[in-house]
Amino acid sequence: MNILRLLVLVAFLAAGLVLGSLNPERIVLDFGVVEVVTTTGIAITVALLAGVLLGGGIVMATTVLPLQARLRRAGRPTPSAVASDAPRPPFQGN
């Protein structure tokens, strides 16, 4: 599994290098307060990375965390089950 992860990492690294080298034109990004001078390849790569991180965060917040909470609650014993499992004192009749 680790070799597969390494191969995927190298493939994405190579794709990023190709993307950066094929798009060497300089652009100016104006954010109102600050201007950033960069190349189109870096701008595209940063935009893709920001989209992946934002999308992953949204999926984590809306799907993964609620499912983990539901799983945690399902594994926890209910109070009635805990009370029925407790040892009972012997019956003392009148």
Protein backbone atom coordinates (compact mmCIF):
# COMPACT_ATOMS: atom_id res chain seq x y z
CA MET A 1 0.00 0.00 0.00
CA ASN A 2 2.86 2.39 0.76
CA ILE A 3 4.37 1.88 -2.70
CA LEU A 4 1.00 2.75 -4.26
CA ARG A 5 0.83 5.98 -2.25
CA LEU A 6 4.36 6.84 -3.33
CA LEU A 7 3.51 6.23 -6.99
CA VAL A 8 0.39 8.43 -6.74
CA LEU A 9 2.45 11.17 -5.05
CA VAL A 10 5.10 11.05 -7.78
CA ALA A 11 2.41 11.11 -10.50
CA PHE A 12 0.77 14.22 -9.04
CA LEU A 13 4.15 15.87 -8.54
CA ALA A 14 5.03 15.22 -12.18
CA ALA A 15 1.64 16.56 -13.31
CA GLY A 16 2.21 19.73 -11.28
CA LEU A 17 5.66 20.20 -12.80
CA VAL A 18 4.28 19.74 -16.32
CA LEU A 19 1.43 22.14 -15.60
CA GLY A 20 3.84 24.74 -14.27
CA SER A 21 6.28 24.42 -17.16
CA LEU A 22 3.58 24.58 -19.85
CA ASN A 23 2.08 27.78 -18.38
CA PRO A 24 4.98 30.20 -17.81
CA GLU A 25 3.08 33.42 -18.58
CA ARG A 26 3.19 36.04 -15.83
CA ILE A 27 -0.11 37.27 -14.40
CA VAL A 28 -1.04 39.77 -11.70
CA LEU A 29 -3.70 38.78 -9.17
CA ASP A 30 -5.26 41.87 -7.59
CA PHE A 31 -6.96 41.20 -4.23
CA GLY A 32 -7.77 44.84 -3.58
CA VAL A 33 -5.34 45.17 -0.69
CA VAL A 34 -2.40 43.36 -2.23
CA GLU A 35 -1.26 42.36 -5.71
CA VAL A 36 0.46 39.05 -6.35
CA VAL A 37 2.63 38.50 -9.44
CA THR A 38 2.86 34.83 -10.34
CA THR A 39 2.72 32.45 -13.30
CA THR A 40 -0.46 30.89 -14.61
CA GLY A 41 0.81 27.39 -13.74
CA ILE A 42 1.27 28.27 -10.08
CA ALA A 43 -2.07 30.08 -9.97
CA ILE A 44 -3.88 27.05 -11.43
CA THR A 45 -2.11 24.66 -9.04
CA VAL A 46 -2.92 26.80 -6.00
CA ALA A 47 -6.55 27.13 -7.10
CA LEU A 48 -6.84 23.34 -7.50
CA LEU A 49 -5.24 22.73 -4.10
CA ALA A 50 -7.55 25.26 -2.44
CA GLY A 51 -10.56 23.59 -4.05
CA VAL A 52 -9.49 20.14 -2.88
CA LEU A 53 -8.91 21.35 0.68
CA LEU A 54 -12.18 23.30 0.80
CA GLY A 55 -14.17 20.41 -0.69
CA GLY A 56 -12.57 17.93 1.70
CA GLY A 57 -13.36 20.17 4.65
CA ILE A 58 -16.99 20.48 3.59
CA VAL A 59 -17.33 16.71 3.18
CA MET A 60 -15.67 16.18 6.55
CA ALA A 61 -17.99 18.65 8.30
CA THR A 62 -21.23 17.49 6.65
CA THR A 63 -20.73 13.73 6.34
CA VAL A 64 -17.82 12.24 8.23
CA LEU A 65 -18.19 13.98 11.60
CA PRO A 66 -21.96 13.29 11.92
CA LEU A 67 -21.42 9.64 10.98
CA GLN A 68 -18.63 9.31 13.55
CA ALA A 69 -20.88 10.81 16.22
CA ARG A 70 -23.71 8.41 15.29
CA LEU A 71 -21.31 5.45 15.40
CA ARG A 72 -20.00 6.55 18.80
CA ARG A 73 -23.57 6.80 20.15
CA ALA A 74 -24.49 3.39 18.70
CA GLY A 75 -21.56 1.74 20.45
CA ARG A 76 -22.36 3.28 23.82
CA PRO A 77 -24.66 1.17 26.05
CA THR A 78 -28.02 2.70 26.95
CA PRO A 79 -28.75 3.52 30.62
CA SER A 80 -31.46 0.82 30.82
CA ALA A 81 -29.04 -1.83 29.52
CA VAL A 82 -26.45 -0.78 32.09
CA ALA A 83 -29.01 -1.01 34.91
CA SER A 84 -30.18 -4.50 33.85
CA ASP A 85 -26.60 -5.81 33.72
CA ALA A 86 -25.85 -4.68 37.27
CA PRO A 87 -25.86 -7.40 39.93
CA ARG A 88 -29.03 -7.47 42.03
CA PRO A 89 -29.13 -7.98 45.77
CA PRO A 90 -30.69 -11.25 46.94
CA PHE A 91 -34.46 -11.23 47.47
CA GLN A 92 -35.45 -10.58 51.07
CA GLY A 93 -39.06 -11.64 51.50
CA ASN A 94 -41.32 -10.76 54.48
